Amino acid sequence: MKEYIEEKYPKRLILYANEVCDSFGFSPSTLRRMKTDETLFPPPMKVSGRRIGYRVDQIVLWTEGKWKGVKK
């Protein structure tokens, strides 16, 4: 999956929510449900006033099963 993301989005550090949905076949509502629990999916970050994005390195860890979640 890492190669797929690097090939589709070269030299990117952030993927927007719609790009994450397209890459994994999620609906936007599924992504919203997943982001409410930061132990299940990497947390979003605010990119601009109305856009959120996800760090590519964290998404890759999640796809590899190495995402440990955010500790509070």
PDB file of N, CA and C in Angstrom:
ATOM      1  N   MET A   1       0.825  -1.186   0.000  1.00  0.00           N
ATOM      2  CA  MET A   1       0.000   0.000   0.000  1.00  0.00           C
ATOM      3  C   MET A   1       0.873   1.256   0.000  1.00  0.00           C
ATOM      4  N   LYS A   2       2.015   1.175   0.659  1.00  0.00           N
ATOM      5  CA  LYS A   2       2.920   2.326   0.695  1.00  0.00           C
ATOM      6  C   LYS A   2       3.334   2.718  -0.717  1.00  0.00           C
ATOM      7  N   GLU A   3       3.655   1.730  -1.545  1.00  0.00           N
ATOM      8  CA  GLU A   3       4.068   2.008  -2.914  1.00  0.00           C
ATOM      9  C   GLU A   3       2.930   2.635  -3.701  1.00  0.00           C
ATOM     10  N   TYR A   4       1.704   2.165  -3.473  1.00  0.00           N
ATOM     11  CA  TYR A   4       0.542   2.710  -4.163  1.00  0.00           C
ATOM     12  C   TYR A   4       0.358   4.185  -3.824  1.00  0.00           C
ATOM     13  N   ILE A   5       0.445   4.520  -2.560  1.00  0.00           N
ATOM     14  CA  ILE A   5       0.267   5.910  -2.136  1.00  0.00           C
ATOM     15  C   ILE A   5       1.390   6.781  -2.685  1.00  0.00           C
ATOM     16  N   GLU A   6       2.621   6.287  -2.617  1.00  0.00           N
ATOM     17  CA  GLU A   6       3.750   7.069  -3.131  1.00  0.00           C
ATOM     18  C   GLU A   6       3.677   7.255  -4.645  1.00  0.00           C
ATOM     19  N   GLU A   7       3.125   6.267  -5.339  1.00  0.00           N
ATOM     20  CA  GLU A   7       2.998   6.373  -6.790  1.00  0.00           C
ATOM     21  C   GLU A   7       1.854   7.313  -7.176  1.00  0.00           C
ATOM     22  N   LYS A   8       0.748   7.201  -6.480  1.00  0.00           N
ATOM     23  CA  LYS A   8      -0.420   8.022  -6.808  1.00  0.00           C
ATOM     24  C   LYS A   8      -0.252   9.471  -6.357  1.00  0.00           C
ATOM     25  N   TYR A   9       0.395   9.675  -5.216  1.00  0.00           N
ATOM     26  CA  TYR A   9       0.599  11.016  -4.660  1.00  0.00           C
ATOM     27  C   TYR A   9       2.079  11.223  -4.348  1.00  0.00           C
ATOM     28  N   PRO A  10       2.911  11.393  -5.382  1.00  0.00           N
ATOM     29  CA  PRO A  10       4.358  11.518  -5.141  1.00  0.00           C
ATOM     30  C   PRO A  10       4.711  12.792  -4.373  1.00  0.00           C
ATOM     31  N   LYS A  11       5.670  12.633  -3.471  1.00  0.00           N
ATOM     32  CA  LYS A  11       6.232  13.754  -2.703  1.00  0.00           C
ATOM     33  C   LYS A  11       5.187  14.527  -1.903  1.00  0.00           C
ATOM     34  N   ARG A  12       4.158  13.833  -1.430  1.00  0.00           N
ATOM     35  CA  ARG A  12       3.133  14.487  -0.628  1.00  0.00           C
ATOM     36  C   ARG A  12       3.318  14.089   0.827  1.00  0.00           C
ATOM     37  N   LEU A  13       3.122  15.019   1.725  1.00  0.00           N
ATOM     38  CA  LEU A  13       3.185  14.744   3.152  1.00  0.00           C
ATOM     39  C   LEU A  13       1.796  14.637   3.760  1.00  0.00           C
ATOM     40  N   ILE A  14       0.813  15.236   3.090  1.00  0.00           N
ATOM     41  CA  ILE A  14      -0.558  15.269   3.581  1.00  0.00           C
ATOM     42  C   ILE A  14      -1.491  14.748   2.489  1.00  0.00           C
ATOM     43  N   LEU A  15      -2.454  13.912   2.888  1.00  0.00           N
ATOM     44  CA  LEU A  15      -3.534  13.505   1.993  1.00  0.00           C
ATOM     45  C   LEU A  15      -4.818  14.122   2.511  1.00  0.00           C
ATOM     46  N   TYR A  16      -5.584  14.708   1.618  1.00  0.00           N
ATOM     47  CA  TYR A  16      -6.870  15.265   2.007  1.00  0.00           C
ATOM     48  C   TYR A  16      -7.867  14.129   2.229  1.00  0.00           C
ATOM     49  N   ALA A  17      -8.945  14.439   2.930  1.00  0.00           N
ATOM     50  CA  ALA A  17      -9.934  13.423   3.284  1.00  0.00           C
ATOM     51  C   ALA A  17     -10.482  12.718   2.042  1.00  0.00           C
ATOM     52  N   ASN A  18     -10.766  13.470   0.987  1.00  0.00           N
ATOM     53  CA  ASN A  18     -11.305  12.832  -0.219  1.00  0.00           C
ATOM     54  C   ASN A  18     -10.288  11.888  -0.862  1.00  0.00           C
ATOM     55  N   GLU A  19      -9.009  12.196  -0.755  1.00  0.00           N
ATOM     56  CA  GLU A  19      -7.974  11.321  -1.299  1.00  0.00           C
ATOM     57  C   GLU A  19      -7.850  10.042  -0.477  1.00  0.00           C
ATOM     58  N   VAL A  20      -8.004  10.150   0.832  1.00  0.00           N
ATOM     59  CA  VAL A  20      -7.984   8.955   1.682  1.00  0.00           C
ATOM     60  C   VAL A  20      -9.171   8.067   1.334  1.00  0.00           C
ATOM     61  N   CYS A  21     -10.337   8.677   1.176  1.00  0.00           N
ATOM     62  CA  CYS A  21     -11.535   7.908   0.812  1.00  0.00           C
ATOM     63  C   CYS A  21     -11.348   7.203  -0.526  1.00  0.00           C
ATOM     64  N   ASP A  22     -10.811   7.907  -1.525  1.00  0.00           N
ATOM     65  CA  ASP A  22     -10.582   7.309  -2.839  1.00  0.00           C
ATOM     66  C   ASP A  22      -9.564   6.177  -2.779  1.00  0.00           C
ATOM     67  N   SER A  23      -8.515   6.354  -2.003  1.00  0.00           N
ATOM     68  CA  SER A  23      -7.455   5.354  -1.933  1.00  0.00           C
ATOM     69  C   SER A  23      -7.905   4.052  -1.284  1.00  0.00           C
ATOM     70  N   PHE A  24      -8.771   4.154  -0.281  1.00  0.00           N
ATOM     71  CA  PHE A  24      -9.160   2.967   0.475  1.00  0.00           C
ATOM     72  C   PHE A  24     -10.588   2.522   0.231  1.00  0.00           C
ATOM     73  N   GLY A  25     -11.324   3.262  -0.581  1.00  0.00           N
ATOM     74  CA  GLY A  25     -12.699   2.883  -0.871  1.00  0.00           C
ATOM     75  C   GLY A  25     -13.662   3.179   0.271  1.00  0.00           C
ATOM     76  N   PHE A  26     -13.287   4.115   1.138  1.00  0.00           N
ATOM     77  CA  PHE A  26     -14.169   4.518   2.230  1.00  0.00           C
ATOM     78  C   PHE A  26     -15.177   5.531   1.719  1.00  0.00           C
ATOM     79  N   SER A  27     -16.341   5.553   2.333  1.00  0.00           N
ATOM     80  CA  SER A  27     -17.252   6.666   2.103  1.00  0.00           C
ATOM     81  C   SER A  27     -16.856   7.774   3.079  1.00  0.00           C
ATOM     82  N   PRO A  28     -17.210   9.013   2.788  1.00  0.00           N
ATOM     83  CA  PRO A  28     -16.882  10.093   3.721  1.00  0.00           C
ATOM     84  C   PRO A  28     -17.462   9.872   5.116  1.00  0.00           C
ATOM     85  N   SER A  29     -18.642   9.270   5.193  1.00  0.00           N
ATOM     86  CA  SER A  29     -19.235   9.028   6.517  1.00  0.00           C
ATOM     87  C   SER A  29     -18.446   7.972   7.294  1.00  0.00           C
ATOM     88  N   THR A  30     -17.893   6.983   6.605  1.00  0.00           N
ATOM     89  CA  THR A  30     -17.058   5.988   7.283  1.00  0.00           C
ATOM     90  C   THR A  30     -15.800   6.640   7.832  1.00  0.00           C
ATOM     91  N   LEU A  31     -15.192   7.508   7.042  1.00  0.00           N
ATOM     92  CA  LEU A  31     -13.990   8.202   7.506  1.00  0.00           C
ATOM     93  C   LEU A  31     -14.308   9.087   8.704  1.00  0.00           C
ATOM     94  N   ARG A  32     -15.454   9.759   8.691  1.00  0.00           N
ATOM     95  CA  ARG A  32     -15.847  10.589   9.843  1.00  0.00           C
ATOM     96  C   ARG A  32     -16.017   9.736  11.095  1.00  0.00           C
ATOM     97  N   ARG A  33     -16.631   8.570  10.955  1.00  0.00           N
ATOM     98  CA  ARG A  33     -16.802   7.681  12.120  1.00  0.00           C
ATOM     99  C   ARG A  33     -15.447   7.204  12.640  1.00  0.00           C
ATOM    100  N   MET A  34     -14.554   6.876  11.740  1.00  0.00           N
ATOM    101  CA  MET A  34     -13.243   6.378  12.152  1.00  0.00           C
ATOM    102  C   MET A  34     -12.415   7.459  12.826  1.00  0.00           C
ATOM    103  N   LYS A  35     -12.536   8.705  12.396  1.00  0.00           N
ATOM    104  CA  LYS A  35     -11.694   9.744  12.980  1.00  0.00           C
ATOM    105  C   LYS A  35     -12.157  10.166  14.364  1.00  0.00           C
ATOM    106  N   THR A  36     -13.372   9.768  14.774  1.00  0.00           N
ATOM    107  CA  THR A  36     -13.818  10.109  16.123  1.00  0.00           C
ATOM    108  C   THR A  36     -13.071   9.310  17.180  1.00  0.00           C
ATOM    109  N   ASP A  37     -12.553   8.151  16.810  1.00  0.00           N
ATOM    110  CA  ASP A  37     -11.777   7.329  17.741  1.00  0.00           C
ATOM    111  C   ASP A  37     -10.338   7.286  17.241  1.00  0.00           C
ATOM    112  N   GLU A  38      -9.481   8.086  17.838  1.00  0.00           N
ATOM    113  CA  GLU A  38      -8.100   8.213  17.370  1.00  0.00           C
ATOM    114  C   GLU A  38      -7.261   6.972  17.639  1.00  0.00           C
ATOM    115  N   THR A  39      -7.831   5.970  18.305  1.00  0.00           N
ATOM    116  CA  THR A  39      -7.103   4.717  18.462  1.00  0.00           C
ATOM    117  C   THR A  39      -7.326   3.813  17.256  1.00  0.00           C
ATOM    118  N   LEU A  40      -8.352   4.103  16.437  1.00  0.00           N
ATOM    119  CA  LEU A  40      -8.639   3.283  15.262  1.00  0.00           C
ATOM    120  C   LEU A  40      -7.976   3.782  13.991  1.00  0.00           C
ATOM    121  N   PHE A  41      -7.833   5.092  13.879  1.00  0.00           N
ATOM    122  CA  PHE A  41      -7.342   5.696  12.649  1.00  0.00           C
ATOM    123  C   PHE A  41      -6.550   6.942  13.008  1.00  0.00           C
ATOM    124  N   PRO A  42      -5.518   7.265  12.258  1.00  0.00           N
ATOM    125  CA  PRO A  42      -4.726   8.462  12.557  1.00  0.00           C
ATOM    126  C   PRO A  42      -5.603   9.718  12.597  1.00  0.00           C
ATOM    127  N   PRO A  43      -5.302  10.632  13.501  1.00  0.00           N
ATOM    128  CA  PRO A  43      -6.121  11.838  13.632  1.00  0.00           C
ATOM    129  C   PRO A  43      -5.904  12.798  12.466  1.00  0.00           C
ATOM    130  N   PRO A  44      -6.941  13.540  12.108  1.00  0.00           N
ATOM    131  CA  PRO A  44      -6.784  14.535  11.051  1.00  0.00           C
ATOM    132  C   PRO A  44      -6.086  15.770  11.579  1.00  0.00           C
ATOM    133  N   MET A  45      -5.591  16.568  10.652  1.00  0.00           N
ATOM    134  CA  MET A  45      -5.015  17.850  11.026  1.00  0.00           C
ATOM    135  C   MET A  45      -5.630  18.917  10.126  1.00  0.00           C
ATOM    136  N   LYS A  46      -5.782  20.099  10.673  1.00  0.00           N
ATOM    137  CA  LYS A  46      -6.380  21.184   9.912  1.00  0.00           C
ATOM    138  C   LYS A  46      -5.348  21.731   8.933  1.00  0.00           C
ATOM    139  N   VAL A  47      -5.684  21.741   7.654  1.00  0.00           N
ATOM    140  CA  VAL A  47      -4.789  22.208   6.612  1.00  0.00           C
ATOM    141  C   VAL A  47      -5.090  23.669   6.279  1.00  0.00           C
ATOM    142  N   SER A  48      -6.358  23.989   6.223  1.00  0.00           N
ATOM    143  CA  SER A  48      -6.778  25.368   5.986  1.00  0.00           C
ATOM    144  C   SER A  48      -8.101  25.582   6.711  1.00  0.00           C
ATOM    145  N   GLY A  49      -8.758  26.674   6.440  1.00  0.00           N
ATOM    146  CA  GLY A  49      -9.989  27.007   7.145  1.00  0.00           C
ATOM    147  C   GLY A  49     -11.041  25.913   7.136  1.00  0.00           C
ATOM    148  N   ARG A  50     -11.214  25.254   5.993  1.00  0.00           N
ATOM    149  CA  ARG A  50     -12.272  24.257   5.880  1.00  0.00           C
ATOM    150  C   ARG A  50     -11.775  22.879   5.459  1.00  0.00           C
ATOM    151  N   ARG A  51     -10.481  22.699   5.321  1.00  0.00           N
ATOM    152  CA  ARG A  51      -9.953  21.413   4.851  1.00  0.00           C
ATOM    153  C   ARG A  51      -9.156  20.725   5.937  1.00  0.00           C
ATOM    154  N   ILE A  52      -9.333  19.417   5.982  1.00  0.00           N
ATOM    155  CA  ILE A  52      -8.511  18.610   6.874  1.00  0.00           C
ATOM    156  C   ILE A  52      -7.708  17.635   6.039  1.00  0.00           C
ATOM    157  N   GLY A  53      -6.614  17.178   6.610  1.00  0.00           N
ATOM    158  CA  GLY A  53      -5.766  16.227   5.926  1.00  0.00           C
ATOM    159  C   GLY A  53      -5.198  15.222   6.912  1.00  0.00           C
ATOM    160  N   TYR A  54      -4.573  14.224   6.374  1.00  0.00           N
ATOM    161  CA  TYR A  54      -3.977  13.155   7.170  1.00  0.00           C
ATOM    162  C   TYR A  54      -2.525  12.992   6.757  1.00  0.00           C
ATOM    163  N   ARG A  55      -1.655  12.816   7.729  1.00  0.00           N
ATOM    164  CA  ARG A  55      -0.231  12.638   7.433  1.00  0.00           C
ATOM    165  C   ARG A  55      -0.013  11.305   6.731  1.00  0.00           C
ATOM    166  N   VAL A  56       0.730  11.345   5.644  1.00  0.00           N
ATOM    167  CA  VAL A  56       0.976  10.145   4.844  1.00  0.00           C
ATOM    168  C   VAL A  56       1.716   9.087   5.662  1.00  0.00           C
ATOM    169  N   ASP A  57       2.708   9.504   6.460  1.00  0.00           N
ATOM    170  CA  ASP A  57       3.474   8.519   7.232  1.00  0.00           C
ATOM    171  C   ASP A  57       2.572   7.772   8.223  1.00  0.00           C
ATOM    172  N   GLN A  58       1.604   8.469   8.807  1.00  0.00           N
ATOM    173  CA  GLN A  58       0.688   7.808   9.735  1.00  0.00           C
ATOM    174  C   GLN A  58      -0.289   6.884   9.007  1.00  0.00           C
ATOM    175  N   ILE A  59      -0.726   7.286   7.828  1.00  0.00           N
ATOM    176  CA  ILE A  59      -1.619   6.441   7.029  1.00  0.00           C
ATOM    177  C   ILE A  59      -0.897   5.149   6.633  1.00  0.00           C
ATOM    178  N   VAL A  60       0.376   5.275   6.255  1.00  0.00           N
ATOM    179  CA  VAL A  60       1.153   4.085   5.883  1.00  0.00           C
ATOM    180  C   VAL A  60       1.299   3.154   7.083  1.00  0.00           C
ATOM    181  N   LEU A  61       1.586   3.706   8.264  1.00  0.00           N
ATOM    182  CA  LEU A  61       1.662   2.864   9.473  1.00  0.00           C
ATOM    183  C   LEU A  61       0.341   2.154   9.711  1.00  0.00           C
ATOM    184  N   TRP A  62      -0.767   2.846   9.511  1.00  0.00           N
ATOM    185  CA  TRP A  62      -2.089   2.253   9.717  1.00  0.00           C
ATOM    186  C   TRP A  62      -2.314   1.097   8.741  1.00  0.00           C
ATOM    187  N   THR A  63      -1.925   1.282   7.473  1.00  0.00           N
ATOM    188  CA  THR A  63      -2.129   0.215   6.489  1.00  0.00           C
ATOM    189  C   THR A  63      -1.266  -1.003   6.789  1.00  0.00           C
ATOM    190  N   GLU A  64      -0.113  -0.781   7.399  1.00  0.00           N
ATOM    191  CA  GLU A  64       0.787  -1.883   7.736  1.00  0.00           C
ATOM    192  C   GLU A  64       0.426  -2.542   9.064  1.00  0.00           C
ATOM    193  N   GLY A  65      -0.597  -2.028   9.739  1.00  0.00           N
ATOM    194  CA  GLY A  65      -1.002  -2.596  11.024  1.00  0.00           C
ATOM    195  C   GLY A  65      -0.120  -2.165  12.173  1.00  0.00           C
ATOM    196  N   LYS A  66       0.662  -1.122  11.982  1.00  0.00           N
ATOM    197  CA  LYS A  66       1.589  -0.669  13.020  1.00  0.00           C
ATOM    198  C   LYS A  66       1.089   0.565  13.755  1.00  0.00           C
ATOM    199  N   TRP A  67      -0.108   1.050  13.409  1.00  0.00           N
ATOM    200  CA  TRP A  67      -0.654   2.238  14.063  1.00  0.00           C
ATOM    201  C   TRP A  67      -1.077   1.886  15.486  1.00  0.00           C
ATOM    202  N   LYS A  68      -0.511   2.554  16.457  1.00  0.00           N
ATOM    203  CA  LYS A  68      -0.801   2.272  17.861  1.00  0.00           C
ATOM    204  C   LYS A  68      -1.858   3.203  18.441  1.00  0.00           C
ATOM    205  N   GLY A  69      -2.225   4.229  17.698  1.00  0.00           N
ATOM    206  CA  GLY A  69      -3.224   5.153  18.191  1.00  0.00           C
ATOM    207  C   GLY A  69      -2.599   6.281  18.972  1.00  0.00           C
ATOM    208  N   VAL A  70      -3.426   7.257  19.279  1.00  0.00           N
ATOM    209  CA  VAL A  70      -2.984   8.420  20.020  1.00  0.00           C
ATOM    210  C   VAL A  70      -3.220   8.157  21.497  1.00  0.00           C
ATOM    211  N   LYS A  71      -2.184   8.347  22.289  1.00  0.00           N
ATOM    212  CA  LYS A  71      -2.308   8.150  23.742  1.00  0.00           C
ATOM    213  C   LYS A  71      -2.739   9.447  24.384  1.00  0.00           C
ATOM    214  N   LYS A  72      -3.693   9.345  25.250  1.00  0.00           N
ATOM    215  CA  LYS A  72      -4.189  10.550  25.940  1.00  0.00           C
ATOM    216  C   LYS A  72      -3.803  10.546  27.377  1.00  0.00           C
TER     217      LYS A  72
END
